[in-house]
Amino acid sequence: MTRIDIDIEHLVLRGVPAELADGIGPLVAERLSELATADRRGDEQPRWAAAPRRARPVTDREGLAAQVARDTWATARDRIREGASR
């Protein structure tokens, strides 16, 4: 079975308070890996990935990691598909 592992060595989130952003790279990497693996396998996305976009700012590390992973994977997936269609 395909599993996509992602390692984030250094993650910079501008405008995010340090108490939320410091050390969040591994959590974002884990969420990205879950999204990429599910997408590659054709599996259903993890439950947390289906959460609607928040109208208010994210104030917890889990929510921030999930939001960063969703946004990053959406952009990466589109670019990967564009490259594959060329």
PDB file of N, CA and C in Angstrom:
ATOM      1  N   MET A   1       0.828  -1.187   0.000  1.00  0.00           N
ATOM      2  CA  MET A   1       0.000   0.000   0.000  1.00  0.00           C
ATOM      3  C   MET A   1       0.872   1.249   0.000  1.00  0.00           C
ATOM      4  N   THR A   2       0.445   2.228  -0.733  1.00  0.00           N
ATOM      5  CA  THR A   2       1.171   3.493  -0.815  1.00  0.00           C
ATOM      6  C   THR A   2       0.948   4.308   0.444  1.00  0.00           C
ATOM      7  N   ARG A   3       2.040   4.800   0.987  1.00  0.00           N
ATOM      8  CA  ARG A   3       1.968   5.749   2.097  1.00  0.00           C
ATOM      9  C   ARG A   3       2.945   6.858   1.764  1.00  0.00           C
ATOM     10  N   ILE A   4       2.484   8.067   1.816  1.00  0.00           N
ATOM     11  CA  ILE A   4       3.324   9.215   1.515  1.00  0.00           C
ATOM     12  C   ILE A   4       3.746   9.843   2.838  1.00  0.00           C
ATOM     13  N   ASP A   5       5.048   9.811   3.100  1.00  0.00           N
ATOM     14  CA  ASP A   5       5.587  10.417   4.314  1.00  0.00           C
ATOM     15  C   ASP A   5       6.143  11.792   3.981  1.00  0.00           C
ATOM     16  N   ILE A   6       5.875  12.732   4.842  1.00  0.00           N
ATOM     17  CA  ILE A   6       6.321  14.110   4.654  1.00  0.00           C
ATOM     18  C   ILE A   6       7.080  14.531   5.906  1.00  0.00           C
ATOM     19  N   ASP A   7       8.203  15.183   5.694  1.00  0.00           N
ATOM     20  CA  ASP A   7       9.010  15.676   6.808  1.00  0.00           C
ATOM     21  C   ASP A   7       9.183  17.179   6.634  1.00  0.00           C
ATOM     22  N   ILE A   8       8.716  17.932   7.598  1.00  0.00           N
ATOM     23  CA  ILE A   8       8.869  19.388   7.565  1.00  0.00           C
ATOM     24  C   ILE A   8       9.927  19.749   8.592  1.00  0.00           C
ATOM     25  N   GLU A   9      11.055  20.224   8.091  1.00  0.00           N
ATOM     26  CA  GLU A   9      12.160  20.580   8.965  1.00  0.00           C
ATOM     27  C   GLU A   9      11.969  21.962   9.583  1.00  0.00           C
ATOM     28  N   HIS A  10      11.463  22.893   8.775  1.00  0.00           N
ATOM     29  CA  HIS A  10      11.296  24.268   9.257  1.00  0.00           C
ATOM     30  C   HIS A  10      10.035  24.852   8.613  1.00  0.00           C
ATOM     31  N   LEU A  11       9.105  25.283   9.415  1.00  0.00           N
ATOM     32  CA  LEU A  11       7.853  25.843   8.926  1.00  0.00           C
ATOM     33  C   LEU A  11       7.693  27.251   9.485  1.00  0.00           C
ATOM     34  N   VAL A  12       7.452  28.198   8.595  1.00  0.00           N
ATOM     35  CA  VAL A  12       7.251  29.588   9.008  1.00  0.00           C
ATOM     36  C   VAL A  12       5.810  29.966   8.696  1.00  0.00           C
ATOM     37  N   LEU A  13       5.095  30.393   9.719  1.00  0.00           N
ATOM     38  CA  LEU A  13       3.712  30.850   9.561  1.00  0.00           C
ATOM     39  C   LEU A  13       3.672  32.308  10.001  1.00  0.00           C
ATOM     40  N   ARG A  14       3.704  33.188   9.035  1.00  0.00           N
ATOM     41  CA  ARG A  14       3.714  34.622   9.341  1.00  0.00           C
ATOM     42  C   ARG A  14       2.348  35.064   9.862  1.00  0.00           C
ATOM     43  N   GLY A  15       2.383  35.918  10.860  1.00  0.00           N
ATOM     44  CA  GLY A  15       1.154  36.458  11.419  1.00  0.00           C
ATOM     45  C   GLY A  15       0.452  35.529  12.396  1.00  0.00           C
ATOM     46  N   VAL A  16       1.080  34.401  12.709  1.00  0.00           N
ATOM     47  CA  VAL A  16       0.499  33.443  13.647  1.00  0.00           C
ATOM     48  C   VAL A  16       1.244  33.576  14.974  1.00  0.00           C
ATOM     49  N   PRO A  17       0.515  33.676  16.079  1.00  0.00           N
ATOM     50  CA  PRO A  17       1.181  33.801  17.377  1.00  0.00           C
ATOM     51  C   PRO A  17       2.138  32.630  17.636  1.00  0.00           C
ATOM     52  N   ALA A  18       3.264  32.938  18.248  1.00  0.00           N
ATOM     53  CA  ALA A  18       4.292  31.930  18.510  1.00  0.00           C
ATOM     54  C   ALA A  18       3.754  30.741  19.301  1.00  0.00           C
ATOM     55  N   GLU A  19       2.851  30.978  20.231  1.00  0.00           N
ATOM     56  CA  GLU A  19       2.323  29.867  21.042  1.00  0.00           C
ATOM     57  C   GLU A  19       1.559  28.846  20.195  1.00  0.00           C
ATOM     58  N   LEU A  20       1.072  29.255  19.036  1.00  0.00           N
ATOM     59  CA  LEU A  20       0.417  28.318  18.112  1.00  0.00           C
ATOM     60  C   LEU A  20       1.394  27.747  17.092  1.00  0.00           C
ATOM     61  N   ALA A  21       2.310  28.569  16.604  1.00  0.00           N
ATOM     62  CA  ALA A  21       3.167  28.176  15.486  1.00  0.00           C
ATOM     63  C   ALA A  21       4.423  27.400  15.884  1.00  0.00           C
ATOM     64  N   ASP A  22       4.996  27.697  17.035  1.00  0.00           N
ATOM     65  CA  ASP A  22       6.257  27.058  17.426  1.00  0.00           C
ATOM     66  C   ASP A  22       6.100  25.541  17.531  1.00  0.00           C
ATOM     67  N   GLY A  23       6.923  24.831  16.789  1.00  0.00           N
ATOM     68  CA  GLY A  23       6.932  23.375  16.847  1.00  0.00           C
ATOM     69  C   GLY A  23       5.768  22.681  16.173  1.00  0.00           C
ATOM     70  N   ILE A  24       5.004  23.381  15.368  1.00  0.00           N
ATOM     71  CA  ILE A  24       3.822  22.788  14.748  1.00  0.00           C
ATOM     72  C   ILE A  24       4.156  22.018  13.462  1.00  0.00           C
ATOM     73  N   GLY A  25       5.384  22.158  12.959  1.00  0.00           N
ATOM     74  CA  GLY A  25       5.784  21.487  11.721  1.00  0.00           C
ATOM     75  C   GLY A  25       5.490  19.999  11.679  1.00  0.00           C
ATOM     76  N   PRO A  26       5.873  19.221  12.707  1.00  0.00           N
ATOM     77  CA  PRO A  26       5.586  17.788  12.681  1.00  0.00           C
ATOM     78  C   PRO A  26       4.088  17.460  12.629  1.00  0.00           C
ATOM     79  N   LEU A  27       3.272  18.248  13.288  1.00  0.00           N
ATOM     80  CA  LEU A  27       1.824  18.017  13.259  1.00  0.00           C
ATOM     81  C   LEU A  27       1.259  18.316  11.870  1.00  0.00           C
ATOM     82  N   VAL A  28       1.726  19.392  11.244  1.00  0.00           N
ATOM     83  CA  VAL A  28       1.296  19.711   9.876  1.00  0.00           C
ATOM     84  C   VAL A  28       1.770  18.607   8.921  1.00  0.00           C
ATOM     85  N   ALA A  29       3.000  18.149   9.107  1.00  0.00           N
ATOM     86  CA  ALA A  29       3.536  17.076   8.254  1.00  0.00           C
ATOM     87  C   ALA A  29       2.691  15.816   8.376  1.00  0.00           C
ATOM     88  N   GLU A  30       2.277  15.483   9.584  1.00  0.00           N
ATOM     89  CA  GLU A  30       1.429  14.308   9.810  1.00  0.00           C
ATOM     90  C   GLU A  30       0.092  14.465   9.084  1.00  0.00           C
ATOM     91  N   ARG A  31      -0.514  15.635   9.203  1.00  0.00           N
ATOM     92  CA  ARG A  31      -1.807  15.879   8.539  1.00  0.00           C
ATOM     93  C   ARG A  31      -1.656  15.856   7.015  1.00  0.00           C
ATOM     94  N   LEU A  32      -0.583  16.456   6.504  1.00  0.00           N
ATOM     95  CA  LEU A  32      -0.330  16.433   5.057  1.00  0.00           C
ATOM     96  C   LEU A  32      -0.143  15.007   4.562  1.00  0.00           C
ATOM     97  N   SER A  33       0.588  14.223   5.315  1.00  0.00           N
ATOM     98  CA  SER A  33       0.818  12.831   4.959  1.00  0.00           C
ATOM     99  C   SER A  33      -0.503  12.066   4.886  1.00  0.00           C
ATOM    100  N   GLU A  34      -1.375  12.293   5.852  1.00  0.00           N
ATOM    101  CA  GLU A  34      -2.691  11.635   5.857  1.00  0.00           C
ATOM    102  C   GLU A  34      -3.501  12.020   4.621  1.00  0.00           C
ATOM    103  N   LEU A  35      -3.512  13.315   4.291  1.00  0.00           N
ATOM    104  CA  LEU A  35      -4.254  13.783   3.115  1.00  0.00           C
ATOM    105  C   LEU A  35      -3.679  13.220   1.821  1.00  0.00           C
ATOM    106  N   ALA A  36      -2.361  13.313   1.658  1.00  0.00           N
ATOM    107  CA  ALA A  36      -1.711  12.854   0.436  1.00  0.00           C
ATOM    108  C   ALA A  36      -1.868  11.355   0.254  1.00  0.00           C
ATOM    109  N   THR A  37      -1.733  10.600   1.334  1.00  0.00           N
ATOM    110  CA  THR A  37      -1.874   9.144   1.260  1.00  0.00           C
ATOM    111  C   THR A  37      -3.302   8.756   0.888  1.00  0.00           C
ATOM    112  N   ALA A  38      -4.284   9.371   1.525  1.00  0.00           N
ATOM    113  CA  ALA A  38      -5.683   9.061   1.214  1.00  0.00           C
ATOM    114  C   ALA A  38      -5.998   9.413  -0.238  1.00  0.00           C
ATOM    115  N   ASP A  39      -5.499  10.559  -0.696  1.00  0.00           N
ATOM    116  CA  ASP A  39      -5.743  10.984  -2.067  1.00  0.00           C
ATOM    117  C   ASP A  39      -5.106  10.005  -3.053  1.00  0.00           C
ATOM    118  N   ARG A  40      -3.886   9.602  -2.794  1.00  0.00           N
ATOM    119  CA  ARG A  40      -3.162   8.687  -3.684  1.00  0.00           C
ATOM    120  C   ARG A  40      -3.847   7.329  -3.759  1.00  0.00           C
ATOM    121  N   ARG A  41      -4.351   6.854  -2.632  1.00  0.00           N
ATOM    122  CA  ARG A  41      -5.012   5.551  -2.584  1.00  0.00           C
ATOM    123  C   ARG A  41      -6.450   5.618  -3.101  1.00  0.00           C
ATOM    124  N   GLY A  42      -7.000   6.815  -3.147  1.00  0.00           N
ATOM    125  CA  GLY A  42      -8.404   6.951  -3.509  1.00  0.00           C
ATOM    126  C   GLY A  42      -9.323   6.700  -2.328  1.00  0.00           C
ATOM    127  N   ASP A  43      -8.756   6.758  -1.135  1.00  0.00           N
ATOM    128  CA  ASP A  43      -9.531   6.554   0.087  1.00  0.00           C
ATOM    129  C   ASP A  43     -10.298   7.814   0.445  1.00  0.00           C
ATOM    130  N   GLU A  44     -11.233   7.652   1.347  1.00  0.00           N
ATOM    131  CA  GLU A  44     -11.953   8.808   1.869  1.00  0.00           C
ATOM    132  C   GLU A  44     -10.994   9.640   2.714  1.00  0.00           C
ATOM    133  N   GLN A  45     -11.144  10.952   2.665  1.00  0.00           N
ATOM    134  CA  GLN A  45     -10.296  11.852   3.443  1.00  0.00           C
ATOM    135  C   GLN A  45     -10.554  11.644   4.939  1.00  0.00           C
ATOM    136  N   PRO A  46      -9.561  11.906   5.781  1.00  0.00           N
ATOM    137  CA  PRO A  46      -9.767  11.805   7.233  1.00  0.00           C
ATOM    138  C   PRO A  46     -10.902  12.720   7.670  1.00  0.00           C
ATOM    139  N   ARG A  47     -11.537  12.363   8.764  1.00  0.00           N
ATOM    140  CA  ARG A  47     -12.674  13.149   9.272  1.00  0.00           C
ATOM    141  C   ARG A  47     -12.338  14.618   9.478  1.00  0.00           C
ATOM    142  N   TRP A  48     -11.168  14.880  10.048  1.00  0.00           N
ATOM    143  CA  TRP A  48     -10.781  16.262  10.341  1.00  0.00           C
ATOM    144  C   TRP A  48     -10.660  17.077   9.066  1.00  0.00           C
ATOM    145  N   ALA A  49     -10.370  16.439   7.932  1.00  0.00           N
ATOM    146  CA  ALA A  49     -10.173  17.152   6.667  1.00  0.00           C
ATOM    147  C   ALA A  49     -11.488  17.670   6.092  1.00  0.00           C
ATOM    148  N   ALA A  50     -12.579  17.078   6.495  1.00  0.00           N
ATOM    149  CA  ALA A  50     -13.883  17.473   5.970  1.00  0.00           C
ATOM    150  C   ALA A  50     -14.496  18.644   6.735  1.00  0.00           C
ATOM    151  N   ALA A  51     -13.822  19.082   7.763  1.00  0.00           N
ATOM    152  CA  ALA A  51     -14.355  20.193   8.555  1.00  0.00           C
ATOM    153  C   ALA A  51     -14.495  21.438   7.685  1.00  0.00           C
ATOM    154  N   PRO A  52     -15.605  22.150   7.825  1.00  0.00           N
ATOM    155  CA  PRO A  52     -15.782  23.366   7.028  1.00  0.00           C
ATOM    156  C   PRO A  52     -14.779  24.440   7.428  1.00  0.00           C
ATOM    157  N   ARG A  53     -14.500  25.338   6.494  1.00  0.00           N
ATOM    158  CA  ARG A  53     -13.611  26.459   6.815  1.00  0.00           C
ATOM    159  C   ARG A  53     -14.246  27.273   7.938  1.00  0.00           C
ATOM    160  N   ARG A  54     -13.418  27.747   8.800  1.00  0.00           N
ATOM    161  CA  ARG A  54     -13.909  28.508   9.948  1.00  0.00           C
ATOM    162  C   ARG A  54     -14.147  29.965   9.567  1.00  0.00           C
ATOM    163  N   ALA A  55     -15.171  30.534  10.132  1.00  0.00           N
ATOM    164  CA  ALA A  55     -15.462  31.944   9.899  1.00  0.00           C
ATOM    165  C   ALA A  55     -14.586  32.815  10.796  1.00  0.00           C
ATOM    166  N   ARG A  56     -14.155  32.235  11.911  1.00  0.00           N
ATOM    167  CA  ARG A  56     -13.304  32.968  12.844  1.00  0.00           C
ATOM    168  C   ARG A  56     -11.897  32.377  12.829  1.00  0.00           C
ATOM    169  N   PRO A  57     -10.922  33.120  13.322  1.00  0.00           N
ATOM    170  CA  PRO A  57      -9.541  32.625  13.331  1.00  0.00           C
ATOM    171  C   PRO A  57      -9.397  31.326  14.131  1.00  0.00           C
ATOM    172  N   VAL A  58      -8.472  30.492  13.688  1.00  0.00           N
ATOM    173  CA  VAL A  58      -8.164  29.255  14.400  1.00  0.00           C
ATOM    174  C   VAL A  58      -7.361  29.615  15.644  1.00  0.00           C
ATOM    175  N   THR A  59      -7.743  29.046  16.781  1.00  0.00           N
ATOM    176  CA  THR A  59      -7.059  29.382  18.025  1.00  0.00           C
ATOM    177  C   THR A  59      -6.477  28.161  18.725  1.00  0.00           C
ATOM    178  N   ASP A  60      -6.447  27.004  18.056  1.00  0.00           N
ATOM    179  CA  ASP A  60      -5.867  25.810  18.659  1.00  0.00           C
ATOM    180  C   ASP A  60      -4.892  25.156  17.674  1.00  0.00           C
ATOM    181  N   ARG A  61      -3.904  24.472  18.194  1.00  0.00           N
ATOM    182  CA  ARG A  61      -2.844  23.880  17.368  1.00  0.00           C
ATOM    183  C   ARG A  61      -3.385  22.827  16.413  1.00  0.00           C
ATOM    184  N   GLU A  62      -4.284  21.972  16.864  1.00  0.00           N
ATOM    185  CA  GLU A  62      -4.861  20.937  15.993  1.00  0.00           C
ATOM    186  C   GLU A  62      -5.603  21.570  14.825  1.00  0.00           C
ATOM    187  N   GLY A  63      -6.406  22.575  15.129  1.00  0.00           N
ATOM    188  CA  GLY A  63      -7.159  23.256  14.082  1.00  0.00           C
ATOM    189  C   GLY A  63      -6.256  23.979  13.096  1.00  0.00           C
ATOM    190  N   LEU A  64      -5.205  24.612  13.627  1.00  0.00           N
ATOM    191  CA  LEU A  64      -4.257  25.305  12.760  1.00  0.00           C
ATOM    192  C   LEU A  64      -3.520  24.318  11.864  1.00  0.00           C
ATOM    193  N   ALA A  65      -3.053  23.218  12.426  1.00  0.00           N
ATOM    194  CA  ALA A  65      -2.347  22.206  11.633  1.00  0.00           C
ATOM    195  C   ALA A  65      -3.251  21.641  10.546  1.00  0.00           C
ATOM    196  N   ALA A  66      -4.498  21.383  10.877  1.00  0.00           N
ATOM    197  CA  ALA A  66      -5.444  20.858   9.888  1.00  0.00           C
ATOM    198  C   ALA A  66      -5.689  21.869   8.773  1.00  0.00           C
ATOM    199  N   GLN A  67      -5.844  23.139   9.134  1.00  0.00           N
ATOM    200  CA  GLN A  67      -6.096  24.175   8.128  1.00  0.00           C
ATOM    201  C   GLN A  67      -4.895  24.364   7.209  1.00  0.00           C
ATOM    202  N   VAL A  68      -3.695  24.409   7.777  1.00  0.00           N
ATOM    203  CA  VAL A  68      -2.482  24.557   6.971  1.00  0.00           C
ATOM    204  C   VAL A  68      -2.331  23.355   6.042  1.00  0.00           C
ATOM    205  N   ALA A  69      -2.571  22.162   6.554  1.00  0.00           N
ATOM    206  CA  ALA A  69      -2.451  20.950   5.737  1.00  0.00           C
ATOM    207  C   ALA A  69      -3.480  20.945   4.604  1.00  0.00           C
ATOM    208  N   ARG A  70      -4.724  21.298   4.904  1.00  0.00           N
ATOM    209  CA  ARG A  70      -5.771  21.330   3.849  1.00  0.00           C
ATOM    210  C   ARG A  70      -5.400  22.322   2.759  1.00  0.00           C
ATOM    211  N   ASP A  71      -5.006  23.523   3.153  1.00  0.00           N
ATOM    212  CA  ASP A  71      -4.660  24.550   2.169  1.00  0.00           C
ATOM    213  C   ASP A  71      -3.435  24.150   1.347  1.00  0.00           C
ATOM    214  N   THR A  72      -2.435  23.612   2.023  1.00  0.00           N
ATOM    215  CA  THR A  72      -1.209  23.203   1.327  1.00  0.00           C
ATOM    216  C   THR A  72      -1.488  22.056   0.373  1.00  0.00           C
ATOM    217  N   TRP A  73      -2.228  21.058   0.816  1.00  0.00           N
ATOM    218  CA  TRP A  73      -2.501  19.911  -0.049  1.00  0.00           C
ATOM    219  C   TRP A  73      -3.379  20.304  -1.238  1.00  0.00           C
ATOM    220  N   ALA A  74      -4.331  21.183  -1.040  1.00  0.00           N
ATOM    221  CA  ALA A  74      -5.181  21.619  -2.152  1.00  0.00           C
ATOM    222  C   ALA A  74      -4.329  22.267  -3.244  1.00  0.00           C
ATOM    223  N   THR A  75      -3.387  23.106  -2.854  1.00  0.00           N
ATOM    224  CA  THR A  75      -2.508  23.760  -3.826  1.00  0.00           C
ATOM    225  C   THR A  75      -1.565  22.755  -4.477  1.00  0.00           C
ATOM    226  N   ALA A  76      -0.951  21.904  -3.662  1.00  0.00           N
ATOM    227  CA  ALA A  76      -0.003  20.912  -4.199  1.00  0.00           C
ATOM    228  C   ALA A  76      -0.707  19.934  -5.136  1.00  0.00           C
ATOM    229  N   ARG A  77      -1.871  19.464  -4.746  1.00  0.00           N
ATOM    230  CA  ARG A  77      -2.621  18.500  -5.562  1.00  0.00           C
ATOM    231  C   ARG A  77      -2.950  19.092  -6.927  1.00  0.00           C
ATOM    232  N   ASP A  78      -3.388  20.340  -6.950  1.00  0.00           N
ATOM    233  CA  ASP A  78      -3.703  20.993  -8.217  1.00  0.00           C
ATOM    234  C   ASP A  78      -2.466  21.100  -9.102  1.00  0.00           C
ATOM    235  N   ARG A  79      -1.345  21.459  -8.512  1.00  0.00           N
ATOM    236  CA  ARG A  79      -0.101  21.591  -9.287  1.00  0.00           C
ATOM    237  C   ARG A  79       0.400  20.234  -9.777  1.00  0.00           C
ATOM    238  N   ILE A  80       0.248  19.209  -8.961  1.00  0.00           N
ATOM    239  CA  ILE A  80       0.659  17.865  -9.381  1.00  0.00           C
ATOM    240  C   ILE A  80      -0.196  17.417 -10.568  1.00  0.00           C
ATOM    241  N   ARG A  81      -1.488  17.653 -10.488  1.00  0.00           N
ATOM    242  CA  ARG A  81      -2.395  17.254 -11.581  1.00  0.00           C
ATOM    243  C   ARG A  81      -2.107  18.041 -12.855  1.00  0.00           C
ATOM    244  N   GLU A  82      -1.795  19.330 -12.713  1.00  0.00           N
ATOM    245  CA  GLU A  82      -1.432  20.144 -13.891  1.00  0.00           C
ATOM    246  C   GLU A  82      -0.179  19.594 -14.556  1.00  0.00           C
ATOM    247  N   GLY A  83       0.800  19.237 -13.738  1.00  0.00           N
ATOM    248  CA  GLY A  83       2.054  18.693 -14.273  1.00  0.00           C
ATOM    249  C   GLY A  83       1.854  17.355 -14.932  1.00  0.00           C
ATOM    250  N   ALA A  84       0.960  16.531 -14.402  1.00  0.00           N
ATOM    251  CA  ALA A  84       0.707  15.198 -14.953  1.00  0.00           C
ATOM    252  C   ALA A  84      -0.041  15.281 -16.277  1.00  0.00           C
ATOM    253  N   SER A  85      -0.816  16.339 -16.464  1.00  0.00           N
ATOM    254  CA  SER A  85      -1.608  16.451 -17.700  1.00  0.00           C
ATOM    255  C   SER A  85      -0.808  17.027 -18.865  1.00  0.00           C
ATOM    256  N   ARG A  86       0.400  17.485 -18.613  1.00  0.00           N
ATOM    257  CA  ARG A  86       1.222  18.072 -19.680  1.00  0.00           C
ATOM    258  C   ARG A  86       1.845  17.030 -20.551  1.00  0.00           C
TER     259      ARG A  86
END
